[in-house]
C-alpha atoms as a PDB file:
ATOM      1  CA  MET A   1     -28.138  67.158   2.975  1.00  0.00           C
ATOM      2  CA  LEU A   2     -31.754  66.017   3.006  1.00  0.00           C
ATOM      3  CA  THR A   3     -34.152  67.261   5.672  1.00  0.00           C
ATOM      4  CA  VAL A   4     -36.917  64.740   6.388  1.00  0.00           C
ATOM      5  CA  LYS A   5     -39.985  65.889   8.332  1.00  0.00           C
ATOM      6  CA  MET A   6     -42.970  63.736   9.173  1.00  0.00           C
ATOM      7  CA  ASP A   7     -46.430  65.277   9.357  1.00  0.00           C
ATOM      8  CA  GLU A   8     -47.959  62.670  11.638  1.00  0.00           C
ATOM      9  CA  ALA A   9     -51.396  64.310  11.689  1.00  0.00           C
ATOM     10  CA  ASN A  10     -51.709  63.876   7.903  1.00  0.00           C
ATOM     11  CA  GLY A  11     -49.587  60.752   7.411  1.00  0.00           C
ATOM     12  CA  THR A  12     -47.169  62.471   5.033  1.00  0.00           C
ATOM     13  CA  ALA A  13     -43.464  63.209   4.795  1.00  0.00           C
ATOM     14  CA  LEU A  14     -41.645  66.285   3.515  1.00  0.00           C
ATOM     15  CA  PHE A  15     -38.202  65.929   1.924  1.00  0.00           C
ATOM     16  CA  GLU A  16     -36.200  69.129   1.431  1.00  0.00           C
ATOM     17  CA  PRO A  17     -32.745  68.721  -0.097  1.00  0.00           C
ATOM     18  CA  GLN A  18     -30.068  71.335   0.558  1.00  0.00           C
ATOM     19  CA  GLY A  19     -27.140  70.485  -1.658  1.00  0.00           C
ATOM     20  CA  PRO A  20     -26.107  67.252  -3.362  1.00  0.00           C
ATOM     21  CA  LEU A  21     -27.744  64.134  -1.961  1.00  0.00           C
ATOM     22  CA  SER A  22     -25.640  61.442  -0.270  1.00  0.00           C
ATOM     23  CA  GLU A  23     -26.013  57.760   0.578  1.00  0.00           C
ATOM     24  CA  LYS A  24     -26.380  58.835   4.221  1.00  0.00           C
ATOM     25  CA  ASP A  25     -29.353  61.045   3.259  1.00  0.00           C
ATOM     26  CA  PHE A  26     -31.248  58.086   1.792  1.00  0.00           C
ATOM     27  CA  LYS A  27     -30.363  55.837   4.715  1.00  0.00           C
ATOM     28  CA  HIS A  28     -31.811  58.433   7.104  1.00  0.00           C
ATOM     29  CA  ALA A  29     -34.904  58.973   4.902  1.00  0.00           C
ATOM     30  CA  ALA A  30     -35.505  55.209   4.794  1.00  0.00           C
ATOM     31  CA  GLU A  31     -35.215  54.934   8.583  1.00  0.00           C
ATOM     32  CA  VAL A  32     -37.790  57.692   9.137  1.00  0.00           C
ATOM     33  CA  VAL A  33     -40.218  56.455   6.485  1.00  0.00           C
ATOM     34  CA  ASN A  34     -39.828  52.786   7.465  1.00  0.00           C
ATOM     35  CA  ALA A  35     -40.606  53.588  11.105  1.00  0.00           C
ATOM     36  CA  TRP A  36     -43.839  55.292  10.006  1.00  0.00           C
ATOM     37  CA  ILE A  37     -44.805  52.484   7.611  1.00  0.00           C
ATOM     38  CA  GLU A  38     -44.102  49.844  10.264  1.00  0.00           C
ATOM     39  CA  LYS A  39     -46.668  51.487  12.577  1.00  0.00           C
ATOM     40  CA  ASN A  40     -49.200  52.622   9.943  1.00  0.00           C
ATOM     41  CA  ASP A  41     -48.795  50.203   7.018  1.00  0.00           C
ATOM     42  CA  ARG A  42     -48.336  52.998   4.451  1.00  0.00           C
ATOM     43  CA  LEU A  43     -47.522  56.670   3.983  1.00  0.00           C
ATOM     44  CA  LYS A  44     -50.355  58.738   2.474  1.00  0.00           C
ATOM     45  CA  GLY A  45     -47.976  61.059   0.695  1.00  0.00           C
ATOM     46  CA  LEU A  46     -44.495  62.383   0.175  1.00  0.00           C
ATOM     47  CA  VAL A  47     -43.644  65.945  -0.835  1.00  0.00           C
ATOM     48  CA  ILE A  48     -40.274  66.737  -2.375  1.00  0.00           C
ATOM     49  CA  HIS A  49     -39.697  70.478  -1.993  1.00  0.00           C
ATOM     50  CA  ALA A  50     -36.662  71.802  -3.870  1.00  0.00           C
ATOM     51  CA  LYS A  51     -36.157  75.062  -5.761  1.00  0.00           C
ATOM     52  CA  THR A  52     -33.595  73.327  -7.991  1.00  0.00           C
ATOM     53  CA  PHE A  53     -32.450  69.736  -8.358  1.00  0.00           C
ATOM     54  CA  PRO A  54     -29.344  69.298  -6.184  1.00  0.00           C
ATOM     55  CA  GLY A  55     -27.990  66.149  -7.820  1.00  0.00           C
ATOM     56  CA  TRP A  56     -26.040  63.439  -6.008  1.00  0.00           C
ATOM     57  CA  ASP A  57     -22.631  63.593  -4.385  1.00  0.00           C
ATOM     58  CA  SER A  58     -21.634  60.174  -5.757  1.00  0.00           C
ATOM     59  CA  PHE A  59     -22.733  57.270  -7.896  1.00  0.00           C
ATOM     60  CA  GLY A  60     -23.450  55.422  -4.644  1.00  0.00           C
ATOM     61  CA  ALA A  61     -25.918  58.157  -3.690  1.00  0.00           C
ATOM     62  CA  LEU A  62     -27.741  57.715  -7.011  1.00  0.00           C
ATOM     63  CA  VAL A  63     -27.932  53.959  -6.398  1.00  0.00           C
ATOM     64  CA  SER A  64     -29.233  54.609  -2.860  1.00  0.00           C
ATOM     65  CA  HIS A  65     -31.880  56.952  -4.299  1.00  0.00           C
ATOM     66  CA  LEU A  66     -33.036  54.321  -6.785  1.00  0.00           C
ATOM     67  CA  ALA A  67     -33.100  51.683  -4.025  1.00  0.00           C
ATOM     68  CA  PHE A  68     -35.232  53.994  -1.857  1.00  0.00           C
ATOM     69  CA  ILE A  69     -37.730  54.362  -4.704  1.00  0.00           C
ATOM     70  CA  ARG A  70     -37.755  50.619  -5.404  1.00  0.00           C
ATOM     71  CA  ASP A  71     -38.292  49.766  -1.734  1.00  0.00           C
ATOM     72  CA  HIS A  72     -41.007  52.340  -0.982  1.00  0.00           C
ATOM     73  CA  HIS A  73     -43.090  53.220  -4.040  1.00  0.00           C
ATOM     74  CA  ARG A  74     -45.760  50.616  -3.252  1.00  0.00           C
ATOM     75  CA  LYS A  75     -46.180  51.920   0.298  1.00  0.00           C
ATOM     76  CA  ILE A  76     -46.645  55.607  -0.584  1.00  0.00           C
ATOM     77  CA  GLY A  77     -49.972  56.775  -2.000  1.00  0.00           C
ATOM     78  CA  ARG A  78     -49.000  60.106  -3.565  1.00  0.00           C
ATOM     79  CA  VAL A  79     -45.758  61.889  -4.417  1.00  0.00           C
ATOM     80  CA  ALA A  80     -45.813  65.655  -4.969  1.00  0.00           C
ATOM     81  CA  PHE A  81     -42.872  67.513  -6.455  1.00  0.00           C
ATOM     82  CA  ALA A  82     -42.939  71.180  -5.406  1.00  0.00           C
ATOM     83  CA  THR A  83     -40.149  72.527  -7.568  1.00  0.00           C
ATOM     84  CA  ASP A  84     -39.341  74.974 -10.325  1.00  0.00           C
ATOM     85  CA  THR A  85     -36.665  72.797 -11.894  1.00  0.00           C
ATOM     86  CA  PRO A  86     -37.374  71.112 -15.249  1.00  0.00           C
ATOM     87  CA  VAL A  87     -36.198  67.855 -13.651  1.00  0.00           C
ATOM     88  CA  GLY A  88     -39.512  67.792 -11.753  1.00  0.00           C
ATOM     89  CA  ALA A  89     -41.532  67.575 -14.971  1.00  0.00           C
ATOM     90  CA  VAL A  90     -39.283  64.810 -16.274  1.00  0.00           C
ATOM     91  CA  ALA A  91     -39.555  62.905 -12.975  1.00  0.00           C
ATOM     92  CA  GLU A  92     -43.338  63.258 -13.081  1.00  0.00           C
ATOM     93  CA  LYS A  93     -43.616  61.878 -16.622  1.00  0.00           C
ATOM     94  CA  ILE A  94     -41.092  59.054 -16.225  1.00  0.00           C
ATOM     95  CA  GLY A  95     -42.210  58.181 -12.711  1.00  0.00           C
ATOM     96  CA  ARG A  96     -45.753  57.465 -13.839  1.00  0.00           C
ATOM     97  CA  HIS A  97     -44.427  54.464 -15.773  1.00  0.00           C
ATOM     98  CA  PHE A  98     -42.384  52.941 -12.945  1.00  0.00           C
ATOM     99  CA  ILE A  99     -43.909  54.074  -9.669  1.00  0.00           C
ATOM    100  CA  LYS A 100     -47.190  52.861  -8.215  1.00  0.00           C
ATOM    101  CA  ALA A 101     -47.783  56.125  -6.314  1.00  0.00           C
ATOM    102  CA  GLU A 102     -49.810  58.891  -7.945  1.00  0.00           C
ATOM    103  CA  ILE A 103     -47.441  61.730  -8.915  1.00  0.00           C
ATOM    104  CA  ARG A 104     -48.098  65.469  -9.363  1.00  0.00           C
ATOM    105  CA  LEU A 105     -45.930  68.481 -10.046  1.00  0.00           C
ATOM    106  CA  PHE A 106     -46.484  71.819  -8.273  1.00  0.00           C
ATOM    107  CA  PRO A 107     -44.605  75.119  -8.526  1.00  0.00           C
ATOM    108  CA  TYR A 108     -42.047  75.550  -5.722  1.00  0.00           C
ATOM    109  CA  ARG A 109     -44.107  78.310  -4.098  1.00  0.00           C
ATOM    110  CA  GLU A 110     -47.171  76.020  -3.813  1.00  0.00           C
ATOM    111  CA  LEU A 111     -45.780  73.896  -0.983  1.00  0.00           C
ATOM    112  CA  GLU A 112     -48.998  74.003   1.042  1.00  0.00           C
ATOM    113  CA  GLN A 113     -51.070  72.905  -1.964  1.00  0.00           C
ATOM    114  CA  ALA A 114     -48.615  70.065  -2.584  1.00  0.00           C
ATOM    115  CA  ARG A 115     -48.827  69.014   1.065  1.00  0.00           C
ATOM    116  CA  ALA A 116     -52.647  69.055   1.009  1.00  0.00           C
ATOM    117  CA  TRP A 117     -52.767  67.045  -2.219  1.00  0.00           C
ATOM    118  CA  SER A 118     -50.238  64.495  -0.938  1.00  0.00           C
ATOM    119  CA  ALA A 119     -52.418  63.947   2.147  1.00  0.00           C
ATOM    120  CA  GLY A 120     -55.402  63.304  -0.105  1.00  0.00           C
ATOM    121  CA  SER A 121     -57.319  66.476   0.693  1.00  0.00           C
ATOM    122  CA  GLY A 122     -56.350  68.722  -2.197  1.00  0.00           C
ATOM    123  CA  THR A 123     -56.929  68.841  -5.896  1.00  0.00           C
ATOM    124  CA  HIS A 124     -54.585  70.080  -8.543  1.00  0.00           C
ATOM    125  CA  ASP A 125     -54.846  70.370 -12.275  1.00  0.00           C
ATOM    126  CA  PRO A 126     -51.306  69.717 -13.526  1.00  0.00           C
ATOM    127  CA  HIS A 127     -51.988  71.498 -16.822  1.00  0.00           C
END
């Protein structure tokens, strides 16, 4: 399951996975994000907050995840990973080559710093 919360005051979204991700999760995330983008042209930032990487419940879910990235990365300014999983560091490094959005990694406990940075008001030295 993927919880999607919009922070309308800051123009950001928070994604919090609880368990393996499904195709339905990405359909719901796309509906929420698309509604915001339709009204506001773009999303300032997206925060992915997960203690560990939950994986996908099917190959279809992985494909849906990749489609979500393909369809939205040009309309999102910043993506913050607030996680303690090593997958976050890999996603940060690989994502920089394929995603237009600026990407930063934060420790899981630094959710508020990640949210501030994703909205454009925070700074963070990733090293």
